[in-house]
């Protein structure tokens, strides 16, 4: 039997009321890296999928005792996103955020260690229907470079209405740091986040109409070292649920 420690906390609003709704997942990553923690277990020490599904706003999973700390990237039941760095198993019982803050920045890890070059990767993160994804400030942060390699990201193409490069097209992973998805110069902003205005392309927001569309990315042919984070701003939906959570 593997010696493990538990990560166990409840999502709450800023006053400490539990966010006890269905939905949301948490990706458990090696501290300081977009790579997933190698193995995640349930309470019976059975290996489970990572990202880990939340249960009524609660995250419970176990990691090997040798893992000192982890980073957690989490979509919430209300459609917000929470990033926790340097979490030590057992160090907290609740995590608070403001469900009435309608703008949320999503940060999705990507890594060739968790994907296959030129094959679309379902990240396991899903949008809440009615969310608005904004074209302004969409982009990537490259933490491990890969010469001549680019990344596409969007919604899973095998789902209804999916567009694998709908948010970002051919953003370069060759240089470390932030790379914005833009319409000026080399156009790298996906079709879902731009429109034609006269002779110009301008950013716009994309309204998520499907139920729980999945976020995906594709690292193109010959990728072998590329890693980092995809980021975009989202105006969350389900105002009635947000009011109930507040």
C-alpha atoms as a PDB file:
ATOM      1  CA  UNK A   1       0.000   0.000   0.000  1.00  0.00           C
ATOM      2  CA  UNK A   2       1.258   3.480  -0.924  1.00  0.00           C
ATOM      3  CA  UNK A   3       1.803   5.932   1.914  1.00  0.00           C
ATOM      4  CA  UNK A   4      -0.329   8.992   1.103  1.00  0.00           C
ATOM      5  CA  UNK A   5      -1.558  12.307   2.469  1.00  0.00           C
ATOM      6  CA  UNK A   6      -4.960  13.861   1.786  1.00  0.00           C
ATOM      7  CA  UNK A   7      -5.851  17.126   0.093  1.00  0.00           C
ATOM      8  CA  UNK A   8      -9.297  17.807   1.511  1.00  0.00           C
ATOM      9  CA  UNK A   9     -11.076  21.174   1.455  1.00  0.00           C
ATOM     10  CA  UNK A  10     -14.435  22.799   0.765  1.00  0.00           C
ATOM     11  CA  UNK A  11     -14.967  25.755  -1.544  1.00  0.00           C
ATOM     12  CA  UNK A  12     -16.713  28.620   0.266  1.00  0.00           C
ATOM     13  CA  UNK A  13     -17.775  32.166  -0.494  1.00  0.00           C
ATOM     14  CA  UNK A  14     -15.977  35.107   1.076  1.00  0.00           C
ATOM     15  CA  UNK A  15     -18.134  34.800   4.242  1.00  0.00           C
ATOM     16  CA  UNK A  16     -17.446  31.080   4.662  1.00  0.00           C
ATOM     17  CA  UNK A  17     -20.693  29.678   3.222  1.00  0.00           C
ATOM     18  CA  UNK A  18     -20.098  26.404   1.365  1.00  0.00           C
ATOM     19  CA  UNK A  19     -20.387  26.426  -2.442  1.00  0.00           C
ATOM     20  CA  UNK A  20     -22.418  23.215  -2.408  1.00  0.00           C
ATOM     21  CA  UNK A  21     -23.255  22.875  -6.101  1.00  0.00           C
ATOM     22  CA  UNK A  22     -22.403  20.242  -8.689  1.00  0.00           C
ATOM     23  CA  UNK A  23     -19.629  20.762 -11.235  1.00  0.00           C
ATOM     24  CA  UNK A  24     -16.016  21.804 -11.301  1.00  0.00           C
ATOM     25  CA  UNK A  25     -12.682  19.978 -11.367  1.00  0.00           C
ATOM     26  CA  UNK A  26      -9.195  20.465  -9.926  1.00  0.00           C
ATOM     27  CA  UNK A  27      -5.935  19.583 -11.669  1.00  0.00           C
ATOM     28  CA  UNK A  28      -3.213  18.612  -9.213  1.00  0.00           C
ATOM     29  CA  UNK A  29       0.202  19.650 -10.549  1.00  0.00           C
ATOM     30  CA  UNK A  30       3.787  19.283  -9.442  1.00  0.00           C
ATOM     31  CA  UNK A  31       4.660  22.458  -7.524  1.00  0.00           C
ATOM     32  CA  UNK A  32       6.040  25.105  -9.857  1.00  0.00           C
ATOM     33  CA  UNK A  33       5.151  23.158 -13.010  1.00  0.00           C
ATOM     34  CA  UNK A  34       2.231  22.644 -15.413  1.00  0.00           C
ATOM     35  CA  UNK A  35       2.897  18.880 -15.239  1.00  0.00           C
ATOM     36  CA  UNK A  36       0.342  16.778 -13.402  1.00  0.00           C
ATOM     37  CA  UNK A  37       1.344  15.114 -10.156  1.00  0.00           C
ATOM     38  CA  UNK A  38       2.226  11.576 -11.337  1.00  0.00           C
ATOM     39  CA  UNK A  39      -0.454   9.719  -9.345  1.00  0.00           C
ATOM     40  CA  UNK A  40      -3.617  10.814  -7.527  1.00  0.00           C
ATOM     41  CA  UNK A  41      -5.731   8.478  -5.388  1.00  0.00           C
ATOM     42  CA  UNK A  42      -9.199   8.354  -3.837  1.00  0.00           C
ATOM     43  CA  UNK A  43      -9.890   7.572  -0.176  1.00  0.00           C
ATOM     44  CA  UNK A  44      -9.485   3.839  -0.898  1.00  0.00           C
ATOM     45  CA  UNK A  45      -6.139   4.442  -2.640  1.00  0.00           C
ATOM     46  CA  UNK A  46      -7.530   3.597  -6.042  1.00  0.00           C
ATOM     47  CA  UNK A  47      -5.889   5.666  -8.793  1.00  0.00           C
ATOM     48  CA  UNK A  48      -8.279   8.345 -10.090  1.00  0.00           C
ATOM     49  CA  UNK A  49      -8.376  10.758 -13.004  1.00  0.00           C
ATOM     50  CA  UNK A  50      -6.559  14.075 -12.789  1.00  0.00           C
ATOM     51  CA  UNK A  51      -8.250  16.634 -12.996  1.00  0.00           C
ATOM     52  CA  UNK A  52     -10.256  15.429 -10.011  1.00  0.00           C
ATOM     53  CA  UNK A  53     -14.009  16.040 -10.010  1.00  0.00           C
ATOM     54  CA  UNK A  54     -15.349  18.204  -7.185  1.00  0.00           C
ATOM     55  CA  UNK A  55     -18.295  16.856  -5.174  1.00  0.00           C
ATOM     56  CA  UNK A  56     -20.646  19.675  -4.138  1.00  0.00           C
ATOM     57  CA  UNK A  57     -17.713  22.060  -4.046  1.00  0.00           C
ATOM     58  CA  UNK A  58     -15.423  19.739  -2.088  1.00  0.00           C
ATOM     59  CA  UNK A  59     -12.063  18.494  -3.290  1.00  0.00           C
ATOM     60  CA  UNK A  60     -10.809  15.234  -1.846  1.00  0.00           C
ATOM     61  CA  UNK A  61      -7.851  13.304  -3.181  1.00  0.00           C
ATOM     62  CA  UNK A  62      -4.639  11.756  -1.908  1.00  0.00           C
ATOM     63  CA  UNK A  63      -1.080  12.103  -3.172  1.00  0.00           C
ATOM     64  CA  UNK A  64       2.054  10.133  -2.272  1.00  0.00           C
ATOM     65  CA  UNK A  65       3.535  11.172   1.063  1.00  0.00           C
ATOM     66  CA  UNK A  66       6.803  11.970  -0.697  1.00  0.00           C
ATOM     67  CA  UNK A  67       5.041  14.850  -2.489  1.00  0.00           C
ATOM     68  CA  UNK A  68       5.778  17.869  -0.301  1.00  0.00           C
ATOM     69  CA  UNK A  69       3.464  20.369  -1.986  1.00  0.00           C
ATOM     70  CA  UNK A  70       1.385  20.791  -5.141  1.00  0.00           C
ATOM     71  CA  UNK A  71      -0.168  23.517  -7.260  1.00  0.00           C
ATOM     72  CA  UNK A  72      -3.918  23.286  -7.915  1.00  0.00           C
ATOM     73  CA  UNK A  73      -5.784  24.701 -10.928  1.00  0.00           C
ATOM     74  CA  UNK A  74      -9.502  24.552 -10.288  1.00  0.00           C
ATOM     75  CA  UNK A  75     -12.715  25.403 -12.122  1.00  0.00           C
ATOM     76  CA  UNK A  76     -15.540  25.958  -9.640  1.00  0.00           C
ATOM     77  CA  UNK A  77     -19.234  25.011  -9.766  1.00  0.00           C
ATOM     78  CA  UNK A  78     -20.102  28.690 -10.362  1.00  0.00           C
ATOM     79  CA  UNK A  79     -17.846  28.982 -13.418  1.00  0.00           C
ATOM     80  CA  UNK A  80     -14.985  30.814 -11.695  1.00  0.00           C
ATOM     81  CA  UNK A  81     -11.361  29.700 -11.652  1.00  0.00           C
ATOM     82  CA  UNK A  82      -9.101  29.401  -8.612  1.00  0.00           C
ATOM     83  CA  UNK A  83      -5.317  28.887  -8.629  1.00  0.00           C
ATOM     84  CA  UNK A  84      -3.579  27.663  -5.467  1.00  0.00           C
ATOM     85  CA  UNK A  85       0.219  27.502  -5.319  1.00  0.00           C
ATOM     86  CA  UNK A  86       2.325  25.489  -2.877  1.00  0.00           C
ATOM     87  CA  UNK A  87      -0.543  23.587  -1.255  1.00  0.00           C
ATOM     88  CA  UNK A  88       0.701  21.172   1.416  1.00  0.00           C
ATOM     89  CA  UNK A  89      -1.668  18.214   1.955  1.00  0.00           C
ATOM     90  CA  UNK A  90      -3.741  18.854   5.080  1.00  0.00           C
ATOM     91  CA  UNK A  91      -2.841  22.548   5.344  1.00  0.00           C
ATOM     92  CA  UNK A  92      -6.398  23.904   4.900  1.00  0.00           C
ATOM     93  CA  UNK A  93     -10.024  22.896   5.352  1.00  0.00           C
ATOM     94  CA  UNK A  94     -11.633  25.535   3.127  1.00  0.00           C
ATOM     95  CA  UNK A  95     -10.799  27.802   0.203  1.00  0.00           C
ATOM     96  CA  UNK A  96     -12.730  31.049  -0.156  1.00  0.00           C
ATOM     97  CA  UNK A  97     -13.490  33.122  -3.252  1.00  0.00           C
ATOM     98  CA  UNK A  98     -16.138  35.694  -4.226  1.00  0.00           C
ATOM     99  CA  UNK A  99     -18.840  34.111  -6.439  1.00  0.00           C
ATOM    100  CA  UNK A 100     -20.303  37.566  -7.187  1.00  0.00           C
ATOM    101  CA  UNK A 101     -17.101  38.688  -8.917  1.00  0.00           C
ATOM    102  CA  UNK A 102     -18.344  38.187 -12.467  1.00  0.00           C
ATOM    103  CA  UNK A 103     -14.936  38.294 -14.182  1.00  0.00           C
ATOM    104  CA  UNK A 104     -12.604  35.339 -13.716  1.00  0.00           C
ATOM    105  CA  UNK A 105      -9.245  34.515 -15.311  1.00  0.00           C
ATOM    106  CA  UNK A 106      -8.929  30.862 -16.311  1.00  0.00           C
ATOM    107  CA  UNK A 107      -5.430  29.334 -16.253  1.00  0.00           C
ATOM    108  CA  UNK A 108      -5.184  25.959 -18.007  1.00  0.00           C
ATOM    109  CA  UNK A 109      -1.919  23.971 -17.825  1.00  0.00           C
ATOM    110  CA  UNK A 110      -0.527  22.485 -21.039  1.00  0.00           C
ATOM    111  CA  UNK A 111       2.370  20.059 -21.350  1.00  0.00           C
ATOM    112  CA  UNK A 112       3.761  17.676 -23.941  1.00  0.00           C
ATOM    113  CA  UNK A 113       4.230  15.287 -20.999  1.00  0.00           C
ATOM    114  CA  UNK A 114       0.430  15.049 -20.766  1.00  0.00           C
ATOM    115  CA  UNK A 115      -0.362  15.057 -24.492  1.00  0.00           C
ATOM    116  CA  UNK A 116       0.753  13.761 -27.899  1.00  0.00           C
ATOM    117  CA  UNK A 117       2.156  16.026 -30.600  1.00  0.00           C
ATOM    118  CA  UNK A 118      -0.406  16.958 -33.265  1.00  0.00           C
ATOM    119  CA  UNK A 119      -3.252  15.250 -31.336  1.00  0.00           C
ATOM    120  CA  UNK A 120      -5.981  17.347 -29.736  1.00  0.00           C
ATOM    121  CA  UNK A 121      -5.908  17.078 -25.933  1.00  0.00           C
ATOM    122  CA  UNK A 122      -9.079  17.293 -23.840  1.00  0.00           C
ATOM    123  CA  UNK A 123      -7.920  19.168 -20.723  1.00  0.00           C
ATOM    124  CA  UNK A 124     -10.805  17.931 -18.557  1.00  0.00           C
ATOM    125  CA  UNK A 125     -11.914  21.517 -17.871  1.00  0.00           C
ATOM    126  CA  UNK A 126     -15.422  22.472 -19.022  1.00  0.00           C
ATOM    127  CA  UNK A 127     -17.204  25.801 -19.360  1.00  0.00           C
ATOM    128  CA  UNK A 128     -20.527  26.598 -17.732  1.00  0.00           C
ATOM    129  CA  UNK A 129     -23.122  27.291 -20.457  1.00  0.00           C
ATOM    130  CA  UNK A 130     -23.768  31.015 -20.794  1.00  0.00           C
ATOM    131  CA  UNK A 131     -20.216  32.037 -19.933  1.00  0.00           C
ATOM    132  CA  UNK A 132     -18.612  34.796 -22.047  1.00  0.00           C
ATOM    133  CA  UNK A 133     -15.032  34.088 -23.131  1.00  0.00           C
ATOM    134  CA  UNK A 134     -13.209  37.322 -24.014  1.00  0.00           C
ATOM    135  CA  UNK A 135     -10.803  37.870 -26.893  1.00  0.00           C
ATOM    136  CA  UNK A 136      -8.930  40.583 -25.005  1.00  0.00           C
ATOM    137  CA  UNK A 137      -5.985  39.191 -22.960  1.00  0.00           C
ATOM    138  CA  UNK A 138      -6.243  35.650 -24.324  1.00  0.00           C
ATOM    139  CA  UNK A 139      -2.866  33.956 -24.709  1.00  0.00           C
ATOM    140  CA  UNK A 140      -0.285  31.598 -23.263  1.00  0.00           C
ATOM    141  CA  UNK A 141       2.597  31.636 -20.811  1.00  0.00           C
ATOM    142  CA  UNK A 142       5.464  29.445 -22.001  1.00  0.00           C
ATOM    143  CA  UNK A 143       7.466  27.921 -19.143  1.00  0.00           C
ATOM    144  CA  UNK A 144       9.409  25.309 -21.153  1.00  0.00           C
ATOM    145  CA  UNK A 145      10.327  26.315 -24.693  1.00  0.00           C
ATOM    146  CA  UNK A 146      10.189  24.223 -27.850  1.00  0.00           C
ATOM    147  CA  UNK A 147      11.842  25.641 -30.978  1.00  0.00           C
ATOM    148  CA  UNK A 148       9.553  26.052 -34.013  1.00  0.00           C
ATOM    149  CA  UNK A 149       6.569  24.605 -32.116  1.00  0.00           C
ATOM    150  CA  UNK A 150       3.157  26.271 -31.859  1.00  0.00           C
ATOM    151  CA  UNK A 151      -0.036  25.572 -29.940  1.00  0.00           C
ATOM    152  CA  UNK A 152      -3.716  25.822 -30.876  1.00  0.00           C
ATOM    153  CA  UNK A 153      -6.424  25.996 -28.222  1.00  0.00           C
ATOM    154  CA  UNK A 154     -10.203  26.172 -28.142  1.00  0.00           C
ATOM    155  CA  UNK A 155     -13.089  23.779 -27.534  1.00  0.00           C
ATOM    156  CA  UNK A 156     -13.001  20.033 -28.147  1.00  0.00           C
ATOM    157  CA  UNK A 157     -13.646  19.389 -31.846  1.00  0.00           C
ATOM    158  CA  UNK A 158     -15.401  16.060 -31.263  1.00  0.00           C
ATOM    159  CA  UNK A 159     -18.175  17.782 -29.301  1.00  0.00           C
ATOM    160  CA  UNK A 160     -21.092  19.591 -30.932  1.00  0.00           C
ATOM    161  CA  UNK A 161     -19.926  22.999 -32.149  1.00  0.00           C
ATOM    162  CA  UNK A 162     -16.359  22.337 -31.022  1.00  0.00           C
ATOM    163  CA  UNK A 163     -13.523  24.380 -32.545  1.00  0.00           C
ATOM    164  CA  UNK A 164     -10.031  23.177 -31.601  1.00  0.00           C
ATOM    165  CA  UNK A 165      -8.365  26.476 -32.571  1.00  0.00           C
ATOM    166  CA  UNK A 166     -11.341  28.689 -31.809  1.00  0.00           C
ATOM    167  CA  UNK A 167      -9.483  30.713 -29.148  1.00  0.00           C
ATOM    168  CA  UNK A 168      -5.850  30.639 -30.279  1.00  0.00           C
ATOM    169  CA  UNK A 169      -4.102  29.670 -33.524  1.00  0.00           C
ATOM    170  CA  UNK A 170      -0.407  28.816 -33.840  1.00  0.00           C
ATOM    171  CA  UNK A 171       0.931  30.699 -30.816  1.00  0.00           C
ATOM    172  CA  UNK A 172       4.684  30.198 -30.606  1.00  0.00           C
ATOM    173  CA  UNK A 173       6.253  28.117 -27.834  1.00  0.00           C
ATOM    174  CA  UNK A 174       9.794  29.045 -28.928  1.00  0.00           C
ATOM    175  CA  UNK A 175      10.413  31.745 -26.318  1.00  0.00           C
ATOM    176  CA  UNK A 176       9.712  31.702 -22.586  1.00  0.00           C
ATOM    177  CA  UNK A 177       7.183  34.182 -21.242  1.00  0.00           C
ATOM    178  CA  UNK A 178       3.780  35.538 -22.208  1.00  0.00           C
ATOM    179  CA  UNK A 179       2.495  35.315 -25.780  1.00  0.00           C
ATOM    180  CA  UNK A 180      -0.759  37.105 -26.544  1.00  0.00           C
ATOM    181  CA  UNK A 181      -3.332  35.932 -29.065  1.00  0.00           C
ATOM    182  CA  UNK A 182      -3.621  38.970 -31.361  1.00  0.00           C
ATOM    183  CA  UNK A 183      -5.220  40.133 -34.621  1.00  0.00           C
ATOM    184  CA  UNK A 184      -2.469  42.585 -35.607  1.00  0.00           C
ATOM    185  CA  UNK A 185       0.589  41.407 -37.505  1.00  0.00           C
ATOM    186  CA  UNK A 186       0.495  37.609 -37.454  1.00  0.00           C
ATOM    187  CA  UNK A 187      -3.138  36.792 -36.638  1.00  0.00           C
ATOM    188  CA  UNK A 188      -3.196  34.235 -33.808  1.00  0.00           C
ATOM    189  CA  UNK A 189      -6.610  34.975 -32.256  1.00  0.00           C
ATOM    190  CA  UNK A 190      -9.111  32.170 -32.855  1.00  0.00           C
ATOM    191  CA  UNK A 191     -12.240  32.596 -34.961  1.00  0.00           C
ATOM    192  CA  UNK A 192     -14.558  32.375 -31.939  1.00  0.00           C
ATOM    193  CA  UNK A 193     -12.921  35.458 -30.389  1.00  0.00           C
ATOM    194  CA  UNK A 194     -12.774  37.884 -33.350  1.00  0.00           C
ATOM    195  CA  UNK A 195     -14.968  39.442 -36.003  1.00  0.00           C
ATOM    196  CA  UNK A 196     -14.503  41.499 -39.163  1.00  0.00           C
ATOM    197  CA  UNK A 197     -15.038  45.251 -38.846  1.00  0.00           C
ATOM    198  CA  UNK A 198     -14.530  46.817 -42.249  1.00  0.00           C
ATOM    199  CA  UNK A 199     -11.070  45.682 -43.266  1.00  0.00           C
ATOM    200  CA  UNK A 200      -9.989  45.013 -39.682  1.00  0.00           C
ATOM    201  CA  UNK A 201     -10.198  42.031 -37.381  1.00  0.00           C
ATOM    202  CA  UNK A 202     -11.262  42.993 -33.861  1.00  0.00           C
ATOM    203  CA  UNK A 203     -11.510  40.892 -30.676  1.00  0.00           C
ATOM    204  CA  UNK A 204     -14.957  39.921 -29.403  1.00  0.00           C
ATOM    205  CA  UNK A 205     -16.415  37.700 -26.699  1.00  0.00           C
ATOM    206  CA  UNK A 206     -17.684  34.192 -27.373  1.00  0.00           C
ATOM    207  CA  UNK A 207     -20.888  33.131 -25.623  1.00  0.00           C
ATOM    208  CA  UNK A 208     -20.818  29.478 -24.604  1.00  0.00           C
ATOM    209  CA  UNK A 209     -24.162  28.027 -25.684  1.00  0.00           C
ATOM    210  CA  UNK A 210     -23.513  24.281 -25.376  1.00  0.00           C
ATOM    211  CA  UNK A 211     -23.776  22.458 -22.066  1.00  0.00           C
ATOM    212  CA  UNK A 212     -20.307  21.941 -20.550  1.00  0.00           C
ATOM    213  CA  UNK A 213     -18.114  22.296 -23.665  1.00  0.00           C
ATOM    214  CA  UNK A 214     -14.606  20.979 -23.044  1.00  0.00           C
ATOM    215  CA  UNK A 215     -11.448  23.088 -23.372  1.00  0.00           C
ATOM    216  CA  UNK A 216      -8.736  21.521 -25.541  1.00  0.00           C
ATOM    217  CA  UNK A 217      -5.287  22.261 -26.925  1.00  0.00           C
ATOM    218  CA  UNK A 218      -3.051  20.839 -29.632  1.00  0.00           C
ATOM    219  CA  UNK A 219       0.747  21.024 -29.628  1.00  0.00           C
ATOM    220  CA  UNK A 220       1.759  20.709 -33.253  1.00  0.00           C
ATOM    221  CA  UNK A 221       3.994  18.184 -35.041  1.00  0.00           C
ATOM    222  CA  UNK A 222       7.378  17.364 -33.432  1.00  0.00           C
ATOM    223  CA  UNK A 223       6.630  19.004 -30.065  1.00  0.00           C
ATOM    224  CA  UNK A 224       8.773  17.383 -27.384  1.00  0.00           C
ATOM    225  CA  UNK A 225       9.453  19.929 -24.628  1.00  0.00           C
ATOM    226  CA  UNK A 226       6.687  22.568 -24.765  1.00  0.00           C
ATOM    227  CA  UNK A 227       4.942  23.380 -21.480  1.00  0.00           C
ATOM    228  CA  UNK A 228       3.079  26.291 -19.971  1.00  0.00           C
ATOM    229  CA  UNK A 229      -0.339  27.768 -19.291  1.00  0.00           C
ATOM    230  CA  UNK A 230      -3.249  28.951 -21.427  1.00  0.00           C
ATOM    231  CA  UNK A 231      -5.105  31.940 -20.052  1.00  0.00           C
ATOM    232  CA  UNK A 232      -8.271  33.834 -20.941  1.00  0.00           C
ATOM    233  CA  UNK A 233     -10.828  35.987 -19.165  1.00  0.00           C
ATOM    234  CA  UNK A 234     -14.370  34.734 -18.633  1.00  0.00           C
ATOM    235  CA  UNK A 235     -17.519  36.523 -17.518  1.00  0.00           C
ATOM    236  CA  UNK A 236     -19.349  33.861 -15.550  1.00  0.00           C
ATOM    237  CA  UNK A 237     -22.979  32.884 -16.039  1.00  0.00           C
ATOM    238  CA  UNK A 238     -25.847  31.501 -13.930  1.00  0.00           C
ATOM    239  CA  UNK A 239     -26.595  34.653 -11.968  1.00  0.00           C
ATOM    240  CA  UNK A 240     -29.284  32.828  -9.937  1.00  0.00           C
ATOM    241  CA  UNK A 241     -26.712  30.257  -8.823  1.00  0.00           C
ATOM    242  CA  UNK A 242     -24.256  32.999  -7.979  1.00  0.00           C
ATOM    243  CA  UNK A 243     -26.865  34.733  -5.824  1.00  0.00           C
ATOM    244  CA  UNK A 244     -27.585  31.470  -4.019  1.00  0.00           C
ATOM    245  CA  UNK A 245     -23.863  31.004  -3.403  1.00  0.00           C
ATOM    246  CA  UNK A 246     -23.363  34.523  -2.050  1.00  0.00           C
END
